[in-house]
Protein backbone atom coordinates (compact mmCIF):
# COMPACT_ATOMS: atom_id res chain seq x y z
CA UNK A 1 80.08 92.64 128.64
CA UNK A 2 83.51 94.32 128.41
CA UNK A 3 83.72 98.05 127.77
CA UNK A 4 86.58 97.81 125.26
CA UNK A 5 87.89 95.04 123.04
CA UNK A 6 91.64 95.21 122.45
CA UNK A 7 92.68 93.43 119.25
CA UNK A 8 96.30 92.31 118.85
CA UNK A 9 97.26 91.04 115.36
CA UNK A 10 100.16 88.65 115.93
CA UNK A 11 102.73 87.21 113.56
CA UNK A 12 106.19 86.05 114.68
CA UNK A 13 106.70 88.61 117.44
CA UNK A 14 107.97 86.35 120.24
CA UNK A 15 110.72 88.85 121.08
CA UNK A 16 108.24 91.68 121.77
CA UNK A 17 104.94 90.03 122.61
CA UNK A 18 105.31 89.78 126.39
CA UNK A 19 106.01 93.50 126.74
CA UNK A 20 102.96 94.28 124.60
CA UNK A 21 100.71 91.89 126.54
CA UNK A 22 101.97 93.16 129.89
CA UNK A 23 101.07 96.73 128.92
CA UNK A 24 97.55 95.66 127.90
CA UNK A 25 96.91 93.30 130.82
CA UNK A 26 97.91 96.02 133.30
CA UNK A 27 95.58 98.70 131.94
CA UNK A 28 93.86 100.87 134.56
CA UNK A 29 90.56 100.08 132.82
CA UNK A 30 90.11 96.46 133.86
CA UNK A 31 86.82 95.75 132.10
CA UNK A 32 88.35 94.83 128.75
CA UNK A 33 88.72 91.77 126.57
CA UNK A 34 92.01 91.04 124.82
CA UNK A 35 91.72 89.27 121.47
CA UNK A 36 94.99 87.81 120.17
CA UNK A 37 94.77 86.99 116.46
CA UNK A 38 97.55 84.53 115.64
CA UNK A 39 98.19 84.85 111.91
CA UNK A 40 99.99 81.50 111.52
CA UNK A 41 103.07 82.42 113.52
CA UNK A 42 105.97 79.98 113.12
CA UNK A 43 107.83 81.08 116.27
CA UNK A 44 106.80 80.83 119.95
CA UNK A 45 104.13 83.55 119.76
CA UNK A 46 101.25 81.10 120.19
CA UNK A 47 102.87 79.52 123.26
CA UNK A 48 103.29 82.95 124.83
CA UNK A 49 99.62 83.76 124.19
CA UNK A 50 98.53 80.49 125.83
CA UNK A 51 100.79 81.21 128.80
CA UNK A 52 98.99 84.52 129.34
CA UNK A 53 95.55 82.95 128.79
CA UNK A 54 96.26 80.61 131.73
CA UNK A 55 96.86 83.67 133.93
CA UNK A 56 94.15 86.02 132.65
CA UNK A 57 90.62 85.01 131.64
CA UNK A 58 90.13 88.22 129.67
CA UNK A 59 92.47 86.95 126.95
CA UNK A 60 91.30 84.81 124.03
CA UNK A 61 93.03 83.54 120.92
CA UNK A 62 91.93 83.31 117.29
CA UNK A 63 94.12 81.06 115.14
CA UNK A 64 94.08 81.70 111.40
CA UNK A 65 94.35 78.59 109.24
CA UNK A 66 96.44 80.51 106.72
CA UNK A 67 98.41 83.74 106.85
CA UNK A 68 96.10 86.63 105.92
CA UNK A 69 98.09 89.74 106.81
CA UNK A 70 97.69 92.58 109.26
CA UNK A 71 94.43 94.06 107.92
CA UNK A 72 92.50 90.79 107.82
CA UNK A 73 93.80 89.91 111.30
CA UNK A 74 92.27 93.13 112.58
CA UNK A 75 89.02 92.21 110.84
CA UNK A 76 88.96 88.82 112.59
CA UNK A 77 89.37 90.48 115.96
CA UNK A 78 86.78 93.15 115.22
CA UNK A 79 84.14 90.63 114.14
CA UNK A 80 84.72 88.52 117.28
CA UNK A 81 84.72 91.52 119.64
CA UNK A 82 81.91 91.99 122.17
CA UNK A 83 82.52 95.54 123.42
CA UNK A 84 81.09 98.80 122.10
CA UNK A 85 84.59 100.15 121.46
CA UNK A 86 87.59 98.51 119.80
CA UNK A 87 91.30 99.30 119.86
CA UNK A 88 93.90 97.80 117.51
CA UNK A 89 97.37 97.62 119.07
CA UNK A 90 100.29 96.23 117.09
CA UNK A 91 101.85 93.32 118.95
CA UNK A 92 105.43 94.61 118.82
CA UNK A 93 104.39 97.92 120.40
CA UNK A 94 103.18 98.79 123.89
CA UNK A 95 101.02 101.43 125.58
CA UNK A 96 100.85 103.42 128.80
CA UNK A 97 98.76 101.85 131.56
CA UNK A 98 96.07 104.54 131.16
CA UNK A 99 95.93 104.28 127.35
CA UNK A 100 92.56 102.55 127.05
CA UNK A 101 90.89 104.34 129.97
CA UNK A 102 91.80 107.83 128.73
CA UNK A 103 90.55 107.17 125.19
CA UNK A 104 87.44 105.39 126.46
CA UNK A 105 86.47 108.20 128.86
CA UNK A 106 86.75 110.76 126.06
CA UNK A 107 84.71 108.55 123.75
CA UNK A 108 81.99 108.02 126.34
CA UNK A 109 81.83 111.68 127.33
CA UNK A 110 81.41 112.85 123.72
CA UNK A 111 79.70 109.84 122.11
CA UNK A 112 82.69 109.79 119.75
CA UNK A 113 83.10 107.49 116.76
CA UNK A 114 86.85 107.66 117.09
CA UNK A 115 89.29 108.92 119.73
CA UNK A 116 93.02 109.11 119.09
CA UNK A 117 96.23 110.21 120.74
CA UNK A 118 99.14 112.14 119.27
CA UNK A 119 101.26 111.35 122.31
CA UNK A 120 103.32 108.82 120.39
CA UNK A 121 106.88 107.74 121.10
CA UNK A 122 109.02 105.86 118.58
CA UNK A 123 111.69 103.44 119.72
CA UNK A 124 114.36 102.75 117.11
CA UNK A 125 115.66 99.28 117.83
CA UNK A 126 118.79 99.59 115.68
CA UNK A 127 119.83 102.96 117.13
CA UNK A 128 118.54 102.07 120.61
CA UNK A 129 116.93 105.46 121.14
CA UNK A 130 113.46 106.79 121.80
CA UNK A 131 111.91 110.09 120.80
CA UNK A 132 108.50 111.68 120.48
CA UNK A 133 106.94 111.19 117.05
CA UNK A 134 106.04 114.89 116.91
CA UNK A 135 109.24 116.12 118.57
CA UNK A 136 109.52 118.97 116.03
CA UNK A 137 106.00 120.23 116.77
CA UNK A 138 105.41 119.33 120.39
CA UNK A 139 106.51 122.56 122.08
CA UNK A 140 104.81 124.65 119.40
CA UNK A 141 101.53 122.79 119.95
CA UNK A 142 101.73 123.13 123.73
CA UNK A 143 102.13 126.91 123.44
CA UNK A 144 99.78 127.54 120.52
CA UNK A 145 97.01 125.20 121.69
CA UNK A 146 97.62 125.40 125.45
CA UNK A 147 93.88 125.27 126.25
CA UNK A 148 93.13 122.35 123.97
CA UNK A 149 96.40 120.43 123.56
CA UNK A 150 95.50 117.61 125.96
CA UNK A 151 91.91 116.91 124.90
CA UNK A 152 89.57 118.26 122.27
CA UNK A 153 87.46 117.78 119.17
CA UNK A 154 89.02 117.06 115.79
CA UNK A 155 87.41 118.55 112.70
CA UNK A 156 89.98 117.03 110.37
CA UNK A 157 88.89 115.77 106.96
CA UNK A 158 90.24 115.81 103.41
CA UNK A 159 88.83 119.32 102.93
CA UNK A 160 90.53 120.65 106.08
CA UNK A 161 94.10 119.55 105.36
CA UNK A 162 95.48 122.68 107.06
CA UNK A 163 94.73 120.91 110.36
CA UNK A 164 97.49 118.40 109.63
CA UNK A 165 99.91 120.56 111.62
CA UNK A 166 97.65 120.72 114.69
CA UNK A 167 96.66 118.28 117.47
CA UNK A 168 93.49 117.61 115.44
CA UNK A 169 95.39 115.47 112.93
CA UNK A 170 94.60 111.79 113.66
CA UNK A 171 97.60 110.25 111.81
CA UNK A 172 97.03 107.68 109.08
CA UNK A 173 97.48 104.56 111.23
CA UNK A 174 95.18 102.14 113.05
CA UNK A 175 97.01 101.74 116.33
CA UNK A 176 96.71 105.14 118.09
CA UNK A 177 92.92 105.07 118.10
CA UNK A 178 89.78 103.78 119.80
CA UNK A 179 86.85 103.06 117.46
CA UNK A 180 83.13 102.78 118.05
CA UNK A 181 82.41 99.27 116.79
CA UNK A 182 78.89 100.05 115.58
CA UNK A 183 80.23 102.85 113.35
CA UNK A 184 82.66 100.46 111.66
CA UNK A 185 80.06 97.74 111.17
CA UNK A 186 77.30 100.12 110.02
CA UNK A 187 79.47 101.53 107.23
CA UNK A 188 81.14 98.20 106.40
CA UNK A 189 84.53 99.60 107.34
CA UNK A 190 86.65 96.47 107.31
CA UNK A 191 90.23 96.31 106.15
CA UNK A 192 90.70 95.50 102.47
CA UNK A 193 92.96 93.01 100.73
CA UNK A 194 96.05 95.22 100.84
CA UNK A 195 99.05 93.85 102.73
CA UNK A 196 100.87 97.18 102.42
CA UNK A 197 99.39 100.62 103.15
CA UNK A 198 96.18 99.01 104.46
CA UNK A 199 95.88 101.81 107.04
CA UNK A 200 95.73 104.44 104.28
CA UNK A 201 92.80 102.78 102.54
CA UNK A 202 90.84 102.34 105.78
CA UNK A 203 91.58 105.88 106.99
CA UNK A 204 90.17 107.67 103.95
CA UNK A 205 87.11 105.43 103.70
CA UNK A 206 86.41 106.19 107.36
CA UNK A 207 86.46 109.95 106.70
CA UNK A 208 83.71 109.63 104.07
CA UNK A 209 81.12 109.20 106.83
CA UNK A 210 82.02 112.33 108.85
CA UNK A 211 82.95 110.56 112.09
CA UNK A 212 82.78 112.41 115.40
CA UNK A 213 86.47 112.56 116.25
CA UNK A 214 88.20 113.59 119.46
CA UNK A 215 91.71 113.30 120.80
CA UNK A 216 93.17 112.70 124.25
CA UNK A 217 96.92 113.16 124.61
CA UNK A 218 97.03 111.79 128.14
CA UNK A 219 97.20 108.37 126.49
CA UNK A 220 100.68 107.31 125.34
CA UNK A 221 101.55 104.89 122.55
CA UNK A 222 105.05 103.43 122.09
CA UNK A 223 105.77 102.45 118.50
CA UNK A 224 108.69 100.13 117.77
CA UNK A 225 110.81 100.63 114.66
CA UNK A 226 112.20 97.13 114.32
CA UNK A 227 115.52 96.46 112.60
CA UNK A 228 113.85 93.40 111.04
CA UNK A 229 110.50 95.03 110.31
CA UNK A 230 108.81 95.30 106.93
CA UNK A 231 110.00 98.88 106.58
CA UNK A 232 113.62 97.74 106.60
CA UNK A 233 113.01 95.07 103.99
CA UNK A 234 114.32 95.65 100.44
CA UNK A 235 111.22 94.09 98.90
CA UNK A 236 109.01 96.31 101.06
CA UNK A 237 110.94 99.44 100.02
CA UNK A 238 110.55 98.54 96.37
CA UNK A 239 106.89 97.53 96.50
CA UNK A 240 105.48 100.09 98.94
CA UNK A 241 105.13 102.98 96.42
CA UNK A 242 103.23 100.80 93.96
CA UNK A 243 101.04 99.52 96.80
CA UNK A 244 100.25 103.10 97.86
CA UNK A 245 99.42 103.96 94.26
CA UNK A 246 96.97 101.05 94.12
CA UNK A 247 95.43 102.09 97.44
CA UNK A 248 95.02 105.71 96.32
CA UNK A 249 93.29 104.58 93.15
CA UNK A 250 90.86 102.55 95.27
CA UNK A 251 90.30 105.55 97.57
CA UNK A 252 89.55 107.85 94.61
CA UNK A 253 87.03 105.35 93.23
CA UNK A 254 85.44 104.99 96.67
CA UNK A 255 84.96 108.76 96.91
CA UNK A 256 83.49 108.85 93.40
CA UNK A 257 80.85 106.36 94.51
CA UNK A 258 80.20 107.56 98.06
CA UNK A 259 81.33 111.18 98.51
CA UNK A 260 81.70 112.83 95.13
CA UNK A 261 81.53 116.36 96.59
CA UNK A 262 84.82 115.71 98.41
CA UNK A 263 86.56 114.05 95.47
CA UNK A 264 88.57 117.11 94.44
CA UNK A 265 89.67 117.74 98.02
CA UNK A 266 90.55 114.08 98.42
CA UNK A 267 92.64 114.22 95.25
CA UNK A 268 94.35 117.43 96.33
CA UNK A 269 95.22 116.04 99.74
CA UNK A 270 96.51 112.75 98.37
CA UNK A 271 98.55 114.21 95.52
CA UNK A 272 101.04 115.49 98.07
CA UNK A 273 101.23 112.08 99.77
CA UNK A 274 101.69 110.46 96.39
CA UNK A 275 104.41 112.93 95.50
CA UNK A 276 106.20 112.34 98.81
CA UNK A 277 106.16 108.61 98.06
CA UNK A 278 107.45 109.26 94.55
CA UNK A 279 110.30 111.51 95.72
CA UNK A 280 111.42 108.87 98.23
CA UNK A 281 111.14 106.02 95.73
CA UNK A 282 114.63 104.53 95.33
CA UNK A 283 113.92 101.62 92.99
CA UNK A 284 115.32 101.40 89.47
CA UNK A 285 111.93 101.61 87.76
CA UNK A 286 111.18 105.20 88.84
CA UNK A 287 110.24 106.09 85.25
CA UNK A 288 107.56 103.41 85.33
CA UNK A 289 106.24 104.63 88.68
CA UNK A 290 106.15 108.22 87.41
CA UNK A 291 104.09 107.12 84.40
CA UNK A 292 101.62 105.34 86.68
CA UNK A 293 101.29 108.47 88.85
CA UNK A 294 100.77 110.68 85.82
CA UNK A 295 98.19 108.37 84.26
CA UNK A 296 96.24 108.07 87.51
CA UNK A 297 96.06 111.84 87.89
CA UNK A 298 94.84 112.23 84.31
CA UNK A 299 92.22 109.51 84.78
CA UNK A 300 90.71 111.33 87.75
CA UNK A 301 89.09 113.72 85.30
CA UNK A 302 88.81 116.64 87.71
CA UNK A 303 89.53 120.31 87.20
CA UNK A 304 93.00 121.00 88.56
CA UNK A 305 93.67 124.38 90.14
CA UNK A 306 97.25 125.29 89.21
CA UNK A 307 97.74 127.54 92.22
CA UNK A 308 96.26 125.05 94.67
CA UNK A 309 98.41 122.25 93.31
CA UNK A 310 101.44 124.52 93.00
CA UNK A 311 104.89 123.28 92.13
CA UNK A 312 105.58 119.59 92.10
CA UNK A 313 102.25 117.79 92.41
CA UNK A 314 100.60 119.88 89.71
CA UNK A 315 103.47 119.20 87.35
CA UNK A 316 103.28 115.44 87.82
CA UNK A 317 99.81 116.02 86.39
CA UNK A 318 100.96 117.92 83.29
CA UNK A 319 104.47 116.56 82.58
CA UNK A 320 104.18 113.37 80.54
CA UNK A 321 107.61 111.91 81.29
CA UNK A 322 109.94 111.71 84.25
CA UNK A 323 112.66 113.46 82.21
CA UNK A 324 110.35 116.43 81.51
CA UNK A 325 109.48 116.57 85.19
CA UNK A 326 113.16 116.63 86.17
CA UNK A 327 113.92 119.47 83.76
CA UNK A 328 111.07 121.46 85.30
CA UNK A 329 112.20 120.76 88.86
CA UNK A 330 115.77 121.80 88.07
CA UNK A 331 114.50 125.12 86.71
CA UNK A 332 112.29 125.67 89.74
CA UNK A 333 115.07 124.92 92.21
CA UNK A 334 117.49 127.21 90.36
CA UNK A 335 115.03 130.11 90.46
CA UNK A 336 114.21 129.49 94.13
CA UNK A 337 117.90 129.71 95.03
CA UNK A 338 118.14 133.08 93.27
CA UNK A 339 115.00 134.30 95.06
CA UNK A 340 116.37 133.40 98.48
CA UNK A 341 119.82 134.83 97.75
CA UNK A 342 118.26 138.16 96.72
CA UNK A 343 115.97 138.11 99.78
CA UNK A 344 118.92 138.16 102.15
CA UNK A 345 119.83 141.65 100.90
CA UNK A 346 116.47 143.09 101.99
CA UNK A 347 117.07 144.61 105.46
CA UNK A 348 113.46 144.48 106.67
CA UNK A 349 112.40 140.99 107.76
CA UNK A 350 108.74 141.79 106.97
CA UNK A 351 109.58 143.03 103.46
CA UNK A 352 111.93 140.09 102.97
CA UNK A 353 109.17 137.57 103.73
CA UNK A 354 106.68 139.46 101.53
CA UNK A 355 109.17 139.40 98.66
CA UNK A 356 109.79 135.66 99.06
CA UNK A 357 106.06 134.92 99.15
CA UNK A 358 105.42 137.10 96.09
CA UNK A 359 108.29 135.54 94.14
CA UNK A 360 107.33 131.96 95.02
CA UNK A 361 103.70 132.62 94.07
CA UNK A 362 104.88 133.92 90.70
CA UNK A 363 106.94 130.77 90.19
CA UNK A 364 103.94 128.61 91.08
CA UNK A 365 101.87 130.25 88.37
CA UNK A 366 104.53 130.45 85.68
CA UNK A 367 104.96 128.26 82.63
CA UNK A 368 108.36 126.97 81.57
């Protein structure tokens, strides 16, 4: 029996598939199976898979009879897998040759339910450049966490959101991780119907069951930002915020049923994600989206801590219309500018920072 099952969801990726398959076939851990899930590709993807099957007996193909999307393709691979651990790698990406072995060794050593890497590089196809996903944090992490940057335990959950700026943050995606199959099956953690933001839904349901999580940054993942990817599609840009809203609503309901004691923390953590989505929402119907956000927050029926939900997210909760929200934001931004302009006249850096913190806290707890 193989030690790890590598699942590749595949749909019309003929341009990138060989590079992905080469990186998986040449893994230093040889005892793996490679499950290619062809989600009704209309290009030469299936032919490429068959070409590799003829050269490597570890590769198998699952052909969907109808297009089911990324999440359901991962489910098909998971349910057909034979190994104790499963990795989902997107078929337009590629990994370092030690990717599977590093994650697997950490999983085995710690009996982990999930092992992930934050050593992620993004390749922008349009700009033809590559950079580290955490390029703004990398040097800080290496200095601050020098004894645990490479490998360690992750205690991240919705009630420990402060760990988001540390190596313990697992990132809300499927592809940088190795999962214990039994953990997924035991808790019925399959991907849901969502074609957009399916990773978000799965990620938060996974956290309900307090998984043993570790990270190993010796493993490298190379993520491709395609010029023709979903993210660059106008329809995707327009529909993604509404999809995330639907996913968050499902997550909140899931926590109500399965982990009510973490519901408030889950809401708190997700409000900021929801707000980020809202602020980057460029479609014409922003008023409609704002109303949906506001109504969802009111329906949650939880006690909202004004200070904890300071500034913008709290005020999506209390401001009924997008116009009211904008008036509030304009006032906040105007006051913040005055605070920072006054702060520059304080000669002591320590006193300057104390003043800014005091002033911003006062703003957070003020009514306008």
